[in-house]
Protein backbone atom coordinates (compact mmCIF):
# COMPACT_ATOMS: atom_id res chain seq x y z
CA MET A 1 113.98 89.37 114.39
CA ILE A 2 110.79 91.10 113.33
CA LYS A 3 108.54 92.57 116.02
CA SER A 4 105.21 91.61 114.47
CA ASN A 5 103.81 88.88 112.24
CA LYS A 6 102.64 91.05 109.33
CA VAL A 7 104.33 90.22 106.03
CA VAL A 8 103.35 91.91 102.77
CA VAL A 9 104.14 90.50 99.34
CA LEU A 10 103.72 92.98 96.50
CA GLY A 11 102.95 91.12 93.28
CA GLY A 12 100.53 88.26 92.80
CA GLY A 13 102.48 86.52 90.05
CA SER A 14 104.03 83.06 90.19
CA PHE A 15 106.95 83.89 92.51
CA GLY A 16 105.06 86.36 94.71
CA THR A 17 102.39 83.75 95.32
CA VAL A 18 104.80 81.06 96.49
CA LEU A 19 106.66 83.55 98.72
CA ALA A 20 103.37 84.51 100.33
CA ASN A 21 102.50 80.87 100.92
CA LEU A 22 105.90 80.07 102.43
CA ALA A 23 105.54 82.92 104.93
CA ALA A 24 101.94 82.03 105.78
CA SER A 25 102.85 78.38 106.25
CA ASN A 26 105.33 79.52 108.91
CA GLY A 27 102.54 81.21 110.85
CA TYR A 28 102.89 84.79 109.60
CA ASP A 29 99.90 86.90 108.65
CA VAL A 30 100.40 87.71 104.97
CA SER A 31 98.87 90.33 102.71
CA LEU A 32 99.30 89.56 99.01
CA TRP A 33 98.92 92.76 97.02
CA VAL A 34 97.61 92.42 93.47
CA ARG A 35 96.76 95.18 91.01
CA ASP A 36 93.28 93.89 90.19
CA ALA A 37 90.41 93.89 92.70
CA GLU A 38 88.74 91.02 90.86
CA GLN A 39 91.87 88.89 91.13
CA ALA A 40 92.06 89.63 94.86
CA LEU A 41 88.44 88.56 95.28
CA ARG A 42 89.04 85.30 93.40
CA ILE A 43 92.14 84.45 95.45
CA ASN A 44 90.31 85.05 98.72
CA SER A 45 87.19 83.15 97.73
CA GLU A 46 88.93 80.22 96.04
CA GLY A 47 91.96 79.90 98.32
CA ALA A 48 94.18 79.70 95.24
CA ASN A 49 95.79 81.93 92.64
CA THR A 50 94.43 80.07 89.62
CA ASP A 51 96.06 82.48 87.16
CA TYR A 52 99.50 81.15 88.12
CA HIS A 53 99.28 78.16 90.48
CA PRO A 54 95.87 76.49 90.15
CA GLU A 55 97.32 73.39 91.84
CA LEU A 56 98.53 75.23 94.97
CA ARG A 57 96.14 75.46 97.94
CA LEU A 58 97.00 78.72 99.69
CA SER A 59 97.19 79.09 103.46
CA ASP A 60 94.19 80.71 105.10
CA LYS A 61 96.62 83.20 106.67
CA ILE A 62 96.94 84.89 103.25
CA GLU A 63 94.61 87.76 102.37
CA ALA A 64 94.81 89.22 98.87
CA SER A 65 94.10 92.93 98.42
CA ASP A 66 94.40 95.65 95.81
CA ASP A 67 94.56 98.39 98.50
CA LEU A 68 98.25 99.28 98.50
CA LYS A 69 98.05 101.91 101.24
CA LYS A 70 96.17 99.63 103.61
CA VAL A 71 98.53 96.66 103.33
CA ILE A 72 101.71 98.75 103.60
CA GLU A 73 100.64 100.74 106.68
CA SER A 74 100.49 97.59 108.80
CA ALA A 75 103.53 95.82 107.33
CA SER A 76 106.70 94.92 109.19
CA VAL A 77 108.25 93.07 106.23
CA ILE A 78 107.71 94.01 102.56
CA LEU A 79 108.72 91.62 99.77
CA ILE A 80 108.51 93.22 96.31
CA ALA A 81 107.97 90.65 93.55
CA THR A 82 106.49 92.83 90.79
CA PRO A 83 107.84 93.00 87.22
CA SER A 84 110.80 95.37 86.89
CA SER A 85 108.77 97.59 84.53
CA ILE A 86 106.57 98.79 87.41
CA PHE A 87 109.04 98.33 90.27
CA GLU A 88 110.08 101.97 90.64
CA ASN A 89 106.50 103.17 90.46
CA ILE A 90 105.47 100.75 93.20
CA VAL A 91 108.36 101.83 95.44
CA GLN A 92 107.42 105.49 95.03
CA ARG A 93 103.78 104.73 95.79
CA ILE A 94 104.51 102.84 99.02
CA THR A 95 107.14 105.26 100.36
CA PRO A 96 104.70 107.56 102.26
CA PHE A 97 103.08 104.65 104.09
CA ILE A 98 106.00 102.52 105.32
CA ASN A 99 106.61 102.11 109.06
CA ASN A 100 110.03 103.27 110.24
CA ASP A 101 111.03 99.82 111.51
CA ALA A 102 109.79 97.85 108.49
CA PHE A 103 112.29 96.47 106.00
CA VAL A 104 112.04 96.03 102.25
CA ILE A 105 113.29 93.09 100.17
CA SER A 106 113.62 93.11 96.39
CA CYS A 107 112.61 89.73 94.94
CA THR A 108 112.56 90.88 91.30
CA LYS A 109 115.36 89.90 88.92
CA GLY A 110 115.80 92.97 86.77
CA ILE A 111 117.84 96.13 86.23
CA LEU A 112 116.63 99.60 85.23
CA SER A 113 118.21 101.92 82.69
CA ASP A 114 118.70 105.66 82.04
CA PRO A 115 120.67 105.61 84.27
CA PHE A 116 121.77 102.06 85.14
CA ARG A 117 120.13 101.17 88.46
CA LEU A 118 119.82 98.00 90.48
CA LEU A 119 116.39 97.57 92.03
CA SER A 120 117.86 97.69 95.53
CA ASP A 121 119.24 101.13 94.59
CA VAL A 122 115.73 102.21 93.62
CA ILE A 123 114.50 101.20 97.07
CA SER A 124 117.40 102.88 98.91
CA ARG A 125 116.99 106.16 97.06
CA ASN A 126 113.32 106.40 97.96
CA ILE A 127 113.12 104.66 101.34
CA LYS A 128 115.47 105.03 104.32
CA ASN A 129 114.61 101.63 105.84
CA ASP A 130 116.83 98.54 105.81
CA VAL A 131 116.99 96.87 102.40
CA GLY A 132 117.73 93.36 101.17
CA VAL A 133 117.76 91.26 97.99
CA LEU A 134 116.39 87.74 97.57
CA SER A 135 117.64 85.71 94.61
CA GLY A 136 118.50 82.16 93.59
CA PRO A 137 117.43 79.21 91.44
CA ASN A 138 113.78 79.65 92.34
CA LEU A 139 111.55 78.18 89.65
CA ALA A 140 108.20 78.96 91.25
CA LYS A 141 106.35 75.89 90.03
CA GLU A 142 108.80 73.58 91.79
CA ILE A 143 108.62 75.58 95.02
CA ALA A 144 104.82 75.37 94.84
CA GLU A 145 105.18 71.59 94.54
CA ASN A 146 107.42 71.47 97.65
CA LYS A 147 110.43 70.32 95.67
CA VAL A 148 113.79 71.06 97.27
CA ALA A 149 115.17 74.52 96.47
CA GLY A 150 117.45 77.14 97.95
CA THR A 151 117.82 80.90 97.75
CA VAL A 152 120.07 83.70 99.00
CA ILE A 153 119.09 86.66 101.14
CA ALA A 154 121.64 89.46 100.79
CA SER A 155 121.80 92.50 103.03
CA GLN A 156 124.08 94.55 105.23
CA SER A 157 121.46 94.20 107.97
CA GLU A 158 121.80 91.20 110.30
CA ARG A 159 118.17 91.74 111.28
CA ILE A 160 117.09 91.14 107.69
CA LEU A 161 119.31 88.07 107.27
CA SER A 162 117.94 86.36 110.37
CA SER A 163 114.34 87.46 109.91
CA VAL A 164 114.00 86.35 106.29
CA LYS A 165 115.32 82.92 107.22
CA SER A 166 112.63 82.71 109.89
CA ILE A 167 109.90 83.91 107.54
CA LEU A 168 110.60 81.81 104.45
CA SER A 169 112.57 78.70 105.44
CA SER A 170 110.85 75.33 105.23
CA ASN A 171 111.72 71.64 105.14
CA THR A 172 112.24 71.98 101.39
CA PHE A 173 113.32 75.63 101.04
CA LYS A 174 116.84 76.41 102.29
CA ILE A 175 118.00 80.01 102.72
CA TYR A 176 121.64 81.13 102.64
CA SER A 177 122.94 84.59 103.52
CA SER A 178 125.30 87.06 101.86
CA LYS A 179 126.51 90.60 102.45
CA ASP A 180 127.07 91.21 98.71
CA MET A 181 123.76 92.71 97.61
CA GLN A 182 125.21 93.96 94.33
CA GLY A 183 126.61 90.58 93.34
CA VAL A 184 123.50 88.60 94.30
CA GLU A 185 121.23 91.05 92.50
CA MET A 186 123.31 91.31 89.33
CA ALA A 187 123.71 87.53 89.12
CA GLY A 188 119.95 87.04 89.29
CA ALA A 189 119.30 89.60 86.55
CA LEU A 190 122.17 88.75 84.22
CA LYS A 191 121.55 85.02 84.02
CA ASN A 192 118.19 85.65 82.34
CA ILE A 193 120.07 86.83 79.25
CA TYR A 194 121.97 83.56 79.04
CA ALA A 195 118.83 81.52 79.67
CA ILE A 196 117.39 83.04 76.48
CA ILE A 197 120.56 82.04 74.64
CA CYS A 198 120.43 78.49 75.99
CA GLY A 199 116.78 78.17 74.99
CA MET A 200 117.68 79.25 71.47
CA ALA A 201 120.59 76.81 71.37
CA GLU A 202 118.36 73.95 72.52
CA SER A 203 115.81 74.73 69.80
CA MET A 204 118.62 74.40 67.25
CA ASN A 205 119.63 71.01 68.69
CA VAL A 206 123.25 72.06 69.18
CA GLY A 207 123.88 69.34 71.79
CA GLU A 208 124.74 69.27 75.47
CA ASN A 209 128.45 69.92 74.91
CA ALA A 210 127.54 73.26 73.36
CA ILE A 211 125.30 74.11 76.31
CA GLY A 212 128.24 73.46 78.64
CA LEU A 213 130.34 75.80 76.50
CA ILE A 214 127.69 78.51 76.63
CA LEU A 215 127.30 78.20 80.40
CA THR A 216 131.02 78.63 81.09
CA ARG A 217 131.35 81.58 78.72
CA SER A 218 128.26 83.07 80.34
CA MET A 219 129.92 82.88 83.74
CA ALA A 220 133.02 84.60 82.36
CA GLU A 221 130.90 87.47 81.04
CA MET A 222 128.86 87.77 84.22
CA SER A 223 131.93 87.97 86.45
CA ARG A 224 133.61 90.46 84.11
CA PHE A 225 130.59 92.73 84.36
CA ALA A 226 130.39 92.25 88.14
CA VAL A 227 133.97 93.41 88.67
CA ALA A 228 133.41 96.46 86.47
CA LYS A 229 130.39 97.42 88.59
CA GLY A 230 132.05 96.84 91.96
CA ALA A 231 130.50 93.50 92.98
CA ASP A 232 132.43 90.54 94.38
CA PRO A 233 132.87 88.01 91.54
CA ILE A 234 133.15 85.16 94.05
CA THR A 235 129.42 85.65 94.67
CA PHE A 236 128.85 84.40 91.14
CA LEU A 237 130.20 80.97 92.09
CA GLY A 238 127.42 80.55 94.65
CA LEU A 239 123.74 79.73 94.59
CA SER A 240 122.61 83.11 93.27
CA GLY A 241 125.19 82.92 90.48
CA MET A 242 126.18 79.50 89.18
CA GLY A 243 123.21 77.81 90.87
CA ASP A 244 120.65 80.11 89.27
CA LEU A 245 122.48 80.14 85.94
CA VAL A 246 122.46 76.34 85.62
CA ALA A 247 118.84 75.95 86.74
CA THR A 248 117.46 78.69 84.53
CA CYS A 249 119.54 77.86 81.47
CA THR A 250 118.57 74.17 81.45
CA SER A 251 114.94 74.17 82.59
CA LYS A 252 111.86 74.25 80.41
CA LEU A 253 110.11 75.85 83.41
CA SER A 254 112.21 79.00 82.94
CA ARG A 255 110.29 81.76 81.18
CA ASN A 256 113.48 83.15 79.63
CA TYR A 257 114.53 79.71 78.41
CA GLN A 258 111.05 79.26 76.89
CA LEU A 259 111.32 82.66 75.21
CA GLY A 260 114.67 81.77 73.67
CA TYR A 261 113.38 78.40 72.54
CA ASN A 262 110.41 80.03 70.81
CA ILE A 263 112.61 82.58 69.02
CA GLY A 264 115.07 79.86 67.97
CA SER A 265 112.14 77.88 66.60
CA GLY A 266 111.24 80.71 64.24
CA LEU A 267 108.68 82.79 66.16
CA ASN A 268 109.12 86.55 66.27
CA LEU A 269 109.66 88.28 69.61
CA LEU A 270 106.05 89.37 70.09
CA ASP A 271 104.65 85.90 69.39
CA SER A 272 107.35 84.32 71.55
CA LYS A 273 106.39 86.52 74.50
CA SER A 274 102.73 85.75 73.96
CA LYS A 275 103.38 82.02 73.94
CA VAL A 276 105.32 82.24 77.24
CA GLY A 277 102.36 84.07 78.77
CA GLN A 278 104.30 85.63 81.67
CA VAL A 279 106.95 88.34 81.94
CA ALA A 280 110.43 87.19 80.87
CA GLU A 281 112.80 89.80 82.30
CA GLY A 282 115.77 88.83 80.11
CA ILE A 283 114.84 90.99 77.13
CA ARG A 284 114.68 94.13 79.26
CA THR A 285 117.92 93.20 80.99
CA LEU A 286 119.65 92.54 77.66
CA GLU A 287 119.03 96.13 76.55
CA VAL A 288 120.36 97.54 79.81
CA ILE A 289 123.47 95.33 79.91
CA LYS A 290 124.29 95.92 76.25
CA ASN A 291 124.21 99.69 76.75
CA GLU A 292 126.22 99.55 79.98
CA SER A 293 128.84 97.10 78.66
CA ASP A 294 129.35 99.32 75.61
CA ARG A 295 129.74 102.34 77.86
CA LEU A 296 132.31 100.51 79.97
CA ASP A 297 134.01 98.98 76.90
CA LEU A 298 133.56 95.43 78.23
CA ASN A 299 133.97 92.33 76.09
CA MET A 300 130.61 90.49 76.28
CA PRO A 301 130.29 88.58 72.98
CA LEU A 302 127.24 86.52 74.00
CA VAL A 303 125.37 89.68 74.98
CA ASP A 304 126.39 91.29 71.67
CA SER A 305 125.25 88.27 69.64
CA LEU A 306 121.87 88.00 71.36
CA TYR A 307 121.34 91.74 70.96
CA ASN A 308 121.90 91.37 67.22
CA VAL A 309 119.36 88.54 67.03
CA ILE A 310 116.71 90.44 68.99
CA ASN A 311 117.25 93.96 67.67
CA LYS A 312 118.86 93.55 64.24
CA ASN A 313 117.06 90.45 62.98
CA TYR A 314 120.18 88.30 62.81
CA SER A 315 119.54 84.57 62.53
CA PRO A 316 119.66 82.70 65.89
CA SER A 317 122.33 80.48 64.33
CA THR A 318 124.74 83.40 64.44
CA LEU A 319 124.90 82.95 68.24
CA ILE A 320 126.78 79.68 67.82
CA ASP A 321 128.83 80.96 64.88
CA ASP A 322 129.93 84.00 66.88
CA LEU A 323 130.83 81.80 69.85
CA ILE A 324 133.07 79.53 67.78
CA LYS A 325 134.67 82.35 65.80
CA ASN A 326 135.38 84.58 68.82
CA PRO A 327 139.16 85.12 68.88
CA ASN A 328 139.44 84.64 72.66
CA GLU A 329 140.88 81.16 73.36
CA VAL A 330 141.78 81.49 77.04
CA ASP A 331 139.79 78.94 79.07
CA VAL A 332 139.35 80.20 82.63
CA GLU A 333 138.53 83.91 82.68
CA PHE A 334 137.02 84.19 86.12
CA THR A 335 137.94 87.76 86.89
CA TYR A 336 138.83 88.81 90.43
C-alpha cells in the first residue's frame, strides 16, 4: 500500500477529472495538474471542471495546479491521463522530480511511433520507478454520473495492484488486476480504431448484424497483433479487451465512435475532429498500427480499409465492401 495520501493526476481532461474525483472521494489528497493557470484557477474557485464535466461537483480534497514541479515533488502516486501527443514530453519533464518510492500509472490509450512504443515503455525508459497501466470500458461521463463501470490495473508490482484498488475503487467503480501490461495497454489503444469504423458503419445504417460482424473481426485483428507483439491474447477476452471494445464501438459517448460517425456522414477529418471537440486517439493509433502491421506482414483488413478512407480519400462505404469481399472465410481466428 502507499505510504502517504498524495495522489497526482496529470491531465485535466474528461478522464483525468473523474480519476481525480474518485481518489479524492476515497479520502486521498489529490493534485490535478492542468496546462493552463486560468483553468486551474477556475477549477479551484468553482469546484468543478466546467470544460469537461460541468455537472460534476468535485471533492474539496482536489487542488488544481499548473505547477508541474510542485505537484510531482510531493506525489506518492502519479496517474498520467494526458493526450498521447504530449505524453512523452510530460514524462521527461517530471522525471527529475519524482520520489524514489512513488509509482507511475499510464491512463492514456495511445501508442507512439518512430519507433513503435507503448506508453508504459516510455515511462520505463525514463523513470526507474514501478509502472502500471489502467484501461477498460471507461466512458468518463458515465463514471462522473456514478453509473456502474469497471477497469483493469495491470502491473508486475503487487504494490501497485493493491494500492490502485484502494485509491480508485468505489461502490460503482470495480477494479480488476492483471500482470499483462502489454495486452491491457494494446487492447485499450487498438479498440479506438474499430470504434471509428463502427461509428462510420452506424452512420451508413448498415444494421446491427453488421456491427456484430465488425466487432468479431476486430477482435481477430487485435489478438493477431497482440501475439505478434508478445502480449497474451487471452487478455483481449477480458474487460480491457472485449469489454472496452464493445462499450466504445457501440456508444455515442465514445469520441472515436463520434469521429467515425461524422466522417461516415460526409464531414472531412478536420471538421469531424472539430465537431467531437476532444482528442480522439484512434486516428493517431491507426497510423501507428498500419505502419507496424505492414512491417510485420500481418493481415489486418479493417485497419487497411480505414487507413484508405482516412488517408487516401476512399469512400466510407468501401469499409463494408472490403469486409464482405475479404477472401478469409474462417470464423474463429482467436490466435494463441
